[in-house]
């Protein structure tokens, strides 16, 4: 499995883990590189490109989105970032 494939599997796993339980726990989310190296200025360019691509795909914008639509947009962004070698790291705030 390639690094991008592993990153996607990890993102999907983390997403599914977040769906378990009745009471959502507030979380701090940060992005890390799959290879463990520190983030560079390339991260900002990748994040901007992924956000732009995600927004272009969803012409509705942020106003009036259902929870399901907002989650789909977040998931698309996470997939884009995974394809570029990043994964979300979530930490519970409780």
C-alpha atoms as a PDB file:
ATOM      1  CA  UNK A   1       0.000   0.000   0.000  1.00  0.00           C
ATOM      2  CA  UNK A   2       1.324   3.442  -0.886  1.00  0.00           C
ATOM      3  CA  UNK A   3       1.723   6.264   1.652  1.00  0.00           C
ATOM      4  CA  UNK A   4      -1.308   8.015   0.153  1.00  0.00           C
ATOM      5  CA  UNK A   5      -3.326   4.803   0.505  1.00  0.00           C
ATOM      6  CA  UNK A   6      -2.247   4.391   4.121  1.00  0.00           C
ATOM      7  CA  UNK A   7      -3.092   8.026   4.812  1.00  0.00           C
ATOM      8  CA  UNK A   8      -6.554   7.583   3.301  1.00  0.00           C
ATOM      9  CA  UNK A   9      -7.130   4.433   5.362  1.00  0.00           C
ATOM     10  CA  UNK A  10      -6.071   6.288   8.497  1.00  0.00           C
ATOM     11  CA  UNK A  11      -8.349   9.246   7.711  1.00  0.00           C
ATOM     12  CA  UNK A  12     -11.274   6.896   7.119  1.00  0.00           C
ATOM     13  CA  UNK A  13     -10.517   5.020  10.339  1.00  0.00           C
ATOM     14  CA  UNK A  14     -10.291   8.223  12.350  1.00  0.00           C
ATOM     15  CA  UNK A  15     -13.509   9.454  10.783  1.00  0.00           C
ATOM     16  CA  UNK A  16     -15.322   6.253  11.682  1.00  0.00           C
ATOM     17  CA  UNK A  17     -13.956   6.354  15.226  1.00  0.00           C
ATOM     18  CA  UNK A  18     -15.402   9.839  15.562  1.00  0.00           C
ATOM     19  CA  UNK A  19     -18.851   8.485  14.669  1.00  0.00           C
ATOM     20  CA  UNK A  20     -18.959   6.051  17.601  1.00  0.00           C
ATOM     21  CA  UNK A  21     -20.713   7.097  20.780  1.00  0.00           C
ATOM     22  CA  UNK A  22     -23.671   9.242  21.666  1.00  0.00           C
ATOM     23  CA  UNK A  23     -22.075  12.387  23.082  1.00  0.00           C
ATOM     24  CA  UNK A  24     -19.454  13.958  20.821  1.00  0.00           C
ATOM     25  CA  UNK A  25     -16.272  14.907  22.633  1.00  0.00           C
ATOM     26  CA  UNK A  26     -14.796  18.315  21.722  1.00  0.00           C
ATOM     27  CA  UNK A  27     -11.543  17.789  19.868  1.00  0.00           C
ATOM     28  CA  UNK A  28      -8.477  19.752  18.860  1.00  0.00           C
ATOM     29  CA  UNK A  29      -7.538  18.908  15.277  1.00  0.00           C
ATOM     30  CA  UNK A  30      -4.172  19.455  13.670  1.00  0.00           C
ATOM     31  CA  UNK A  31      -2.583  18.166  10.488  1.00  0.00           C
ATOM     32  CA  UNK A  32       0.594  16.092  10.476  1.00  0.00           C
ATOM     33  CA  UNK A  33       2.649  14.617   7.674  1.00  0.00           C
ATOM     34  CA  UNK A  34       2.326  10.887   7.080  1.00  0.00           C
ATOM     35  CA  UNK A  35       6.119  10.561   6.922  1.00  0.00           C
ATOM     36  CA  UNK A  36       6.501  12.245  10.336  1.00  0.00           C
ATOM     37  CA  UNK A  37       8.502  15.182   9.010  1.00  0.00           C
ATOM     38  CA  UNK A  38       7.650  18.703  10.242  1.00  0.00           C
ATOM     39  CA  UNK A  39       5.164  20.828   8.328  1.00  0.00           C
ATOM     40  CA  UNK A  40       6.693  23.343   5.932  1.00  0.00           C
ATOM     41  CA  UNK A  41       5.336  26.237   3.914  1.00  0.00           C
ATOM     42  CA  UNK A  42       4.241  23.602   1.389  1.00  0.00           C
ATOM     43  CA  UNK A  43       1.523  22.647   3.886  1.00  0.00           C
ATOM     44  CA  UNK A  44      -0.069  26.096   3.500  1.00  0.00           C
ATOM     45  CA  UNK A  45      -0.035  25.794  -0.286  1.00  0.00           C
ATOM     46  CA  UNK A  46      -1.478  22.256  -0.157  1.00  0.00           C
ATOM     47  CA  UNK A  47      -4.161  23.261   2.341  1.00  0.00           C
ATOM     48  CA  UNK A  48      -5.160  26.281   0.246  1.00  0.00           C
ATOM     49  CA  UNK A  49      -5.307  24.166  -2.922  1.00  0.00           C
ATOM     50  CA  UNK A  50      -7.431  21.493  -1.238  1.00  0.00           C
ATOM     51  CA  UNK A  51      -9.797  24.060   0.280  1.00  0.00           C
ATOM     52  CA  UNK A  52     -10.123  25.763  -3.113  1.00  0.00           C
ATOM     53  CA  UNK A  53     -10.809  22.464  -4.902  1.00  0.00           C
ATOM     54  CA  UNK A  54     -13.358  21.485  -2.253  1.00  0.00           C
ATOM     55  CA  UNK A  55     -15.164  24.821  -2.504  1.00  0.00           C
ATOM     56  CA  UNK A  56     -15.235  24.649  -6.303  1.00  0.00           C
ATOM     57  CA  UNK A  57     -16.818  21.202  -6.078  1.00  0.00           C
ATOM     58  CA  UNK A  58     -19.478  22.591  -3.750  1.00  0.00           C
ATOM     59  CA  UNK A  59     -20.812  25.754  -5.342  1.00  0.00           C
ATOM     60  CA  UNK A  60     -23.412  26.129  -2.552  1.00  0.00           C
ATOM     61  CA  UNK A  61     -20.892  27.782  -0.225  1.00  0.00           C
ATOM     62  CA  UNK A  62     -21.068  27.647   3.550  1.00  0.00           C
ATOM     63  CA  UNK A  63     -24.477  29.292   4.005  1.00  0.00           C
ATOM     64  CA  UNK A  64     -27.343  26.961   4.771  1.00  0.00           C
ATOM     65  CA  UNK A  65     -25.441  23.704   4.469  1.00  0.00           C
ATOM     66  CA  UNK A  66     -26.930  20.696   6.158  1.00  0.00           C
ATOM     67  CA  UNK A  67     -24.777  18.775   8.606  1.00  0.00           C
ATOM     68  CA  UNK A  68     -24.490  15.980   6.034  1.00  0.00           C
ATOM     69  CA  UNK A  69     -23.310  18.402   3.311  1.00  0.00           C
ATOM     70  CA  UNK A  70     -20.788  20.037   5.649  1.00  0.00           C
ATOM     71  CA  UNK A  71     -19.417  16.605   6.603  1.00  0.00           C
ATOM     72  CA  UNK A  72     -19.110  15.643   2.919  1.00  0.00           C
ATOM     73  CA  UNK A  73     -17.114  18.830   2.284  1.00  0.00           C
ATOM     74  CA  UNK A  74     -14.849  18.132   5.278  1.00  0.00           C
ATOM     75  CA  UNK A  75     -14.362  14.544   4.108  1.00  0.00           C
ATOM     76  CA  UNK A  76     -13.439  15.703   0.591  1.00  0.00           C
ATOM     77  CA  UNK A  77     -10.913  18.131   2.080  1.00  0.00           C
ATOM     78  CA  UNK A  78      -9.421  15.350   4.249  1.00  0.00           C
ATOM     79  CA  UNK A  79      -9.121  13.054   1.201  1.00  0.00           C
ATOM     80  CA  UNK A  80      -7.373  15.795  -0.765  1.00  0.00           C
ATOM     81  CA  UNK A  81      -4.948  16.395   2.100  1.00  0.00           C
ATOM     82  CA  UNK A  82      -4.342  12.633   2.461  1.00  0.00           C
ATOM     83  CA  UNK A  83      -3.492  12.451  -1.237  1.00  0.00           C
ATOM     84  CA  UNK A  84      -0.873  15.140  -0.580  1.00  0.00           C
ATOM     85  CA  UNK A  85       0.658  13.229   2.351  1.00  0.00           C
ATOM     86  CA  UNK A  86      -1.121  14.673   5.411  1.00  0.00           C
ATOM     87  CA  UNK A  87      -3.451  13.210   8.003  1.00  0.00           C
ATOM     88  CA  UNK A  88      -5.595  14.765  10.726  1.00  0.00           C
ATOM     89  CA  UNK A  89      -4.497  14.221  14.301  1.00  0.00           C
ATOM     90  CA  UNK A  90      -7.371  14.628  16.753  1.00  0.00           C
ATOM     91  CA  UNK A  91      -7.001  15.105  20.490  1.00  0.00           C
ATOM     92  CA  UNK A  92      -9.930  15.065  22.896  1.00  0.00           C
ATOM     93  CA  UNK A  93     -10.336  18.260  24.899  1.00  0.00           C
ATOM     94  CA  UNK A  94     -12.100  16.616  27.849  1.00  0.00           C
END
